[in-house]
Protein backbone atom coordinates (compact mmCIF):
# COMPACT_ATOMS: atom_id res chain seq x y z
CA UNK A 1 91.59 121.95 185.13
CA UNK A 2 89.18 119.44 186.37
CA UNK A 3 91.28 116.35 187.30
CA UNK A 4 88.51 113.68 187.30
CA UNK A 5 88.73 111.95 190.62
CA UNK A 6 92.17 112.76 191.81
CA UNK A 7 92.07 110.04 194.59
CA UNK A 8 94.74 107.93 195.90
CA UNK A 9 93.91 104.26 196.73
CA UNK A 10 92.41 102.47 198.56
CA UNK A 11 89.66 105.08 198.74
CA UNK A 12 86.82 105.25 196.20
CA UNK A 13 85.12 108.26 194.44
CA UNK A 14 81.38 108.23 194.59
CA UNK A 15 80.85 104.51 194.36
CA UNK A 16 82.32 101.54 196.22
CA UNK A 17 84.04 100.06 193.01
CA UNK A 18 85.38 103.38 191.60
CA UNK A 19 88.95 102.83 192.92
CA UNK A 20 92.22 103.17 191.32
CA UNK A 21 94.91 100.43 191.94
CA UNK A 22 98.44 101.47 192.60
CA UNK A 23 99.50 101.26 189.05
CA UNK A 24 96.56 103.35 187.78
CA UNK A 25 97.29 105.95 190.52
CA UNK A 26 100.88 106.06 189.27
CA UNK A 27 99.55 106.55 185.79
CA UNK A 28 97.23 109.36 186.90
CA UNK A 29 99.93 111.20 188.59
CA UNK A 30 102.40 110.64 185.62
CA UNK A 31 99.74 111.93 183.22
CA UNK A 32 99.28 115.08 185.39
CA UNK A 33 102.87 115.80 185.62
CA UNK A 34 103.13 115.72 181.77
CA UNK A 35 100.40 118.19 181.38
CA UNK A 36 101.92 120.45 184.10
CA UNK A 37 105.36 120.27 182.41
CA UNK A 38 103.65 121.03 178.96
CA UNK A 39 101.72 124.02 180.15
CA UNK A 40 104.49 125.38 182.46
CA UNK A 41 101.90 127.66 184.17
CA UNK A 42 102.65 129.96 187.05
CA UNK A 43 99.33 129.42 188.84
CA UNK A 44 97.04 126.24 188.54
CA UNK A 45 93.53 125.83 189.57
CA UNK A 46 92.09 122.17 190.07
CA UNK A 47 88.72 120.64 190.42
CA UNK A 48 87.67 117.14 191.66
CA UNK A 49 90.47 116.98 194.27
CA UNK A 50 89.95 114.22 196.81
CA UNK A 51 93.53 113.61 197.85
CA UNK A 52 94.65 117.18 198.57
CA UNK A 53 97.72 116.11 200.50
CA UNK A 54 99.00 114.00 197.54
CA UNK A 55 98.32 116.80 195.12
CA UNK A 56 100.21 119.35 197.21
CA UNK A 57 103.18 117.03 197.33
CA UNK A 58 103.06 116.41 193.70
CA UNK A 59 102.79 120.14 192.92
CA UNK A 60 105.62 121.00 195.20
CA UNK A 61 107.92 118.39 193.35
CA UNK A 62 107.03 120.08 190.06
CA UNK A 63 108.06 123.53 191.26
CA UNK A 64 104.74 124.76 192.89
CA UNK A 65 105.61 125.28 196.64
CA UNK A 66 102.46 127.34 197.44
CA UNK A 67 99.32 125.28 197.78
CA UNK A 68 95.67 125.82 199.19
CA UNK A 69 92.67 123.41 199.06
CA UNK A 70 89.22 123.04 200.34
CA UNK A 71 88.23 119.78 202.14
CA UNK A 72 86.79 116.82 200.42
CA UNK A 73 84.03 114.77 201.99
CA UNK A 74 84.50 111.16 203.22
CA UNK A 75 81.75 108.89 204.12
CA UNK A 76 82.59 108.12 207.78
CA UNK A 77 81.05 104.50 207.51
CA UNK A 78 83.13 103.44 204.40
CA UNK A 79 86.16 104.26 202.12
CA UNK A 80 83.97 106.26 199.72
CA UNK A 81 84.43 110.08 199.13
CA UNK A 82 81.10 111.75 198.14
CA UNK A 83 82.30 115.27 197.42
CA UNK A 84 85.52 116.56 196.02
CA UNK A 85 87.54 119.60 197.06
CA UNK A 86 89.29 122.33 195.04
CA UNK A 87 92.92 123.37 194.94
CA UNK A 88 95.26 126.19 193.94
CA UNK A 89 98.86 125.75 193.23
CA UNK A 90 101.36 128.48 192.56
CA UNK A 91 104.95 129.44 191.93
CA UNK A 92 104.22 132.59 193.83
CA UNK A 93 102.88 133.42 197.21
CA UNK A 94 99.31 132.73 198.09
CA UNK A 95 96.85 134.07 200.80
CA UNK A 96 93.84 132.33 201.91
CA UNK A 97 90.42 134.25 201.59
CA UNK A 98 86.74 133.84 202.34
CA UNK A 99 83.40 134.83 201.03
CA UNK A 100 82.30 138.33 202.01
CA UNK A 101 79.05 136.97 203.32
CA UNK A 102 80.00 133.62 204.94
CA UNK A 103 76.38 132.58 205.34
CA UNK A 104 76.27 131.96 201.50
CA UNK A 105 78.81 129.12 201.76
CA UNK A 106 76.21 126.41 202.41
CA UNK A 107 74.37 127.21 199.33
CA UNK A 108 77.10 125.99 197.02
CA UNK A 109 77.15 122.44 195.95
CA UNK A 110 80.86 122.55 196.39
CA UNK A 111 82.23 125.55 198.30
CA UNK A 112 84.57 127.84 196.22
CA UNK A 113 88.26 128.39 197.02
CA UNK A 114 89.03 131.97 197.49
CA UNK A 115 92.54 133.29 197.60
CA UNK A 116 94.97 136.03 196.55
CA UNK A 117 98.02 135.40 194.40
CA UNK A 118 101.03 137.78 194.11
CA UNK A 119 101.90 137.85 190.30
CA UNK A 120 105.08 139.41 189.22
CA UNK A 121 104.65 142.98 187.78
CA UNK A 122 101.02 142.79 188.44
CA UNK A 123 100.57 142.51 192.08
CA UNK A 124 98.03 140.74 194.27
CA UNK A 125 95.14 139.33 192.36
CA UNK A 126 91.96 137.85 193.91
CA UNK A 127 91.25 134.36 192.63
CA UNK A 128 87.93 132.31 192.93
CA UNK A 129 88.38 128.59 192.02
CA UNK A 130 84.91 127.21 191.36
CA UNK A 131 83.23 123.92 190.48
CA UNK A 132 79.56 124.61 189.92
CA UNK A 133 76.62 122.06 190.10
CA UNK A 134 76.62 119.69 187.46
CA UNK A 135 73.65 118.81 185.09
CA UNK A 136 73.04 115.62 187.06
CA UNK A 137 69.44 115.86 188.51
CA UNK A 138 69.02 116.52 192.11
CA UNK A 139 66.88 113.63 193.35
CA UNK A 140 65.12 113.10 196.61
CA UNK A 141 67.44 111.27 199.04
CA UNK A 142 64.58 109.20 200.33
CA UNK A 143 63.44 108.07 196.79
CA UNK A 144 62.95 104.32 196.62
CA UNK A 145 63.46 102.55 193.15
CA UNK A 146 64.31 104.07 189.99
CA UNK A 147 63.41 107.71 189.53
CA UNK A 148 60.39 108.37 187.17
CA UNK A 149 60.70 110.70 184.21
CA UNK A 150 59.12 113.49 186.25
CA UNK A 151 61.65 113.07 189.07
CA UNK A 152 64.46 113.22 186.49
CA UNK A 153 62.91 116.30 184.82
CA UNK A 154 62.33 118.18 188.09
CA UNK A 155 65.78 117.17 189.16
CA UNK A 156 67.34 118.70 186.18
CA UNK A 157 65.50 121.88 186.76
CA UNK A 158 66.72 122.13 190.29
CA UNK A 159 70.33 121.48 189.32
CA UNK A 160 70.13 124.26 186.60
CA UNK A 161 68.45 126.54 189.20
CA UNK A 162 71.31 125.87 191.78
CA UNK A 163 73.94 126.43 189.19
CA UNK A 164 72.54 129.87 188.30
CA UNK A 165 72.32 130.79 192.07
CA UNK A 166 75.91 129.85 192.57
CA UNK A 167 76.99 132.21 189.78
CA UNK A 168 74.79 134.94 191.20
CA UNK A 169 76.19 134.59 194.78
CA UNK A 170 79.67 134.69 193.25
CA UNK A 171 79.04 137.87 191.29
CA UNK A 172 77.37 139.30 194.41
CA UNK A 173 80.49 138.60 196.41
CA UNK A 174 82.88 140.19 193.81
CA UNK A 175 80.87 143.25 193.48
CA UNK A 176 80.45 143.64 197.41
CA UNK A 177 84.12 143.30 197.83
CA UNK A 178 85.01 145.61 194.99
CA UNK A 179 82.76 148.33 196.56
CA UNK A 180 85.17 148.21 199.56
CA UNK A 181 88.42 147.63 197.87
CA UNK A 182 88.86 147.81 194.17
CA UNK A 183 91.08 144.90 193.16
CA UNK A 184 91.55 142.73 190.23
CA UNK A 185 89.68 139.31 190.08
CA UNK A 186 89.97 136.15 188.19
CA UNK A 187 87.51 133.31 188.35
CA UNK A 188 88.86 129.89 187.36
CA UNK A 189 86.83 126.58 187.08
CA UNK A 190 84.49 124.03 185.79
CA UNK A 191 81.23 125.86 185.30
CA UNK A 192 79.40 122.67 184.01
CA UNK A 193 77.59 124.82 181.45
CA UNK A 194 77.99 126.96 178.48
CA UNK A 195 78.32 130.56 179.77
CA UNK A 196 77.15 132.28 176.63
CA UNK A 197 73.64 130.85 177.08
CA UNK A 198 70.77 131.15 179.63
CA UNK A 199 71.09 132.79 183.04
CA UNK A 200 74.68 132.27 183.50
CA UNK A 201 75.46 134.62 180.47
CA UNK A 202 74.42 137.63 182.90
CA UNK A 203 78.06 137.28 184.20
CA UNK A 204 79.04 139.36 181.07
CA UNK A 205 76.14 141.84 181.21
CA UNK A 206 77.01 145.46 180.33
CA UNK A 207 76.17 147.94 183.19
CA UNK A 208 74.08 150.94 182.57
CA UNK A 209 75.98 154.06 181.52
CA UNK A 210 74.91 156.06 184.40
CA UNK A 211 76.53 153.77 186.88
CA UNK A 212 79.53 154.91 189.02
CA UNK A 213 83.18 153.94 188.10
CA UNK A 214 83.13 150.75 190.28
CA UNK A 215 80.01 149.55 188.85
CA UNK A 216 81.11 150.35 185.39
CA UNK A 217 83.67 147.55 185.50
CA UNK A 218 82.11 145.05 187.98
CA UNK A 219 81.22 142.49 185.21
CA UNK A 220 83.49 139.56 184.28
CA UNK A 221 85.19 139.07 180.97
CA UNK A 222 85.76 135.71 179.09
CA UNK A 223 89.56 135.44 178.73
CA UNK A 224 89.20 133.62 175.29
CA UNK A 225 87.44 136.86 174.01
CA UNK A 226 90.03 139.21 175.51
CA UNK A 227 92.93 137.27 173.89
CA UNK A 228 91.44 138.27 170.57
CA UNK A 229 92.54 135.12 168.88
CA UNK A 230 91.27 134.21 165.47
CA UNK A 231 91.41 130.54 166.19
CA UNK A 232 88.08 128.68 166.79
CA UNK A 233 87.29 127.86 170.31
CA UNK A 234 87.99 124.21 171.26
CA UNK A 235 85.56 122.26 173.32
CA UNK A 236 86.71 121.39 176.87
CA UNK A 237 84.40 118.39 177.47
CA UNK A 238 82.79 115.74 175.29
CA UNK A 239 79.62 113.90 175.99
CA UNK A 240 78.02 111.49 173.41
CA UNK A 241 80.36 112.86 170.84
CA UNK A 242 79.17 116.41 171.35
CA UNK A 243 81.71 118.89 172.48
CA UNK A 244 81.03 121.90 174.75
CA UNK A 245 82.89 124.57 176.63
CA UNK A 246 82.50 124.02 180.39
CA UNK A 247 85.85 125.27 181.69
CA UNK A 248 86.60 128.94 181.79
CA UNK A 249 88.95 131.66 183.16
CA UNK A 250 86.97 134.82 183.79
CA UNK A 251 88.69 138.12 184.36
CA UNK A 252 87.57 141.38 185.87
CA UNK A 253 87.79 144.85 184.09
CA UNK A 254 91.41 145.26 185.15
CA UNK A 255 92.30 142.86 182.23
CA UNK A 256 90.06 144.51 179.65
CA UNK A 257 91.23 147.19 177.19
CA UNK A 258 88.33 149.31 177.81
CA UNK A 259 89.32 149.94 181.57
CA UNK A 260 91.35 153.13 182.13
CA UNK A 261 93.43 151.45 184.91
CA UNK A 262 94.16 148.24 182.99
CA UNK A 263 96.69 146.21 184.74
CA UNK A 264 97.48 143.40 182.16
CA UNK A 265 96.26 142.11 178.97
CA UNK A 266 95.65 138.67 177.73
CA UNK A 267 98.20 137.83 175.00
CA UNK A 268 97.47 134.17 174.59
CA UNK A 269 94.78 131.49 175.26
CA UNK A 270 95.57 127.73 175.10
CA UNK A 271 93.42 124.52 175.41
CA UNK A 272 95.26 121.33 176.17
CA UNK A 273 92.73 118.87 174.78
CA UNK A 274 94.81 116.28 172.94
CA UNK A 275 93.94 113.57 175.47
CA UNK A 276 90.36 114.10 174.49
CA UNK A 277 90.72 114.43 170.54
CA UNK A 278 93.73 112.20 169.89
CA UNK A 279 93.88 109.84 172.93
CA UNK A 280 96.90 107.49 173.26
CA UNK A 281 95.86 104.76 175.79
CA UNK A 282 99.43 104.05 176.78
CA UNK A 283 99.76 107.58 178.32
CA UNK A 284 96.15 108.76 178.58
CA UNK A 285 94.34 105.92 180.28
CA UNK A 286 93.92 107.87 183.49
CA UNK A 287 93.53 111.27 181.86
CA UNK A 288 90.92 113.80 182.77
CA UNK A 289 87.68 113.94 180.87
CA UNK A 290 88.13 117.68 180.65
CA UNK A 291 90.67 119.86 178.70
CA UNK A 292 92.92 122.24 180.42
CA UNK A 293 92.64 125.90 179.59
CA UNK A 294 95.57 128.45 180.10
CA UNK A 295 96.03 132.06 179.53
CA UNK A 296 99.18 134.20 179.27
CA UNK A 297 99.02 137.76 180.81
CA UNK A 298 101.34 140.55 180.08
CA UNK A 299 101.58 143.42 182.46
CA UNK A 300 100.80 146.94 181.20
CA UNK A 301 103.58 149.46 181.55
């Protein structure tokens, strides 16, 4: 779930005036507690985490003693945070991980959080928590005045290119690791794009039939599709009245029925979007602008 600026006062997110007062901060924490209680998940992945210590403390009070996070970036000359971190909270043990090629880390707009979580009856699962580059144009930092149409156009192009590169590096990391040790993988996050379209859809590509066993099952699967639900897919984000699916839980072959060594199956997919579709200001005033998505896994005998 993207938390939308989980940041304790007196600090600001992105802009000097984007600060929650103490009451708003309490409302944001109360809203998150309600969502967590409603979902009752075993493992939770978060994006837009600025105050990681506060989130770790809140998660612990809600029954999630295991917690990992990536650092956020504070402007040393002000109280403004420019780049959020990621977090993973769990009822079960976590191990911190890293990219197979650490040199790739600097390419990401926001470094992924890589960890392993020990799930009951399933065992250790490798988890990638991600927050890919937004569609906001990448503009020249030295640009003076308002950007031109050409600046905006080229900036959007660069953002799309970077987002595709981020997915490519993530898939390269997964494949490289699986060639050395075949382990189940899940990728959770805000992809800032529809994965069914464009370059990002290659994450679901079928390998060639002549490939070996490892490469036959390197691709990732959309957990919504694996759930085999007959319900229409809910949007996870709205912009200008238009809904889109930006938030996903992707799973490796070990969760797919076409894999001989299937570990678990997806028996349910849920989207917590009431704060987007039927908002109640009294409780949703500090809600996220994203829905939360959750899956339920059942271990295979």
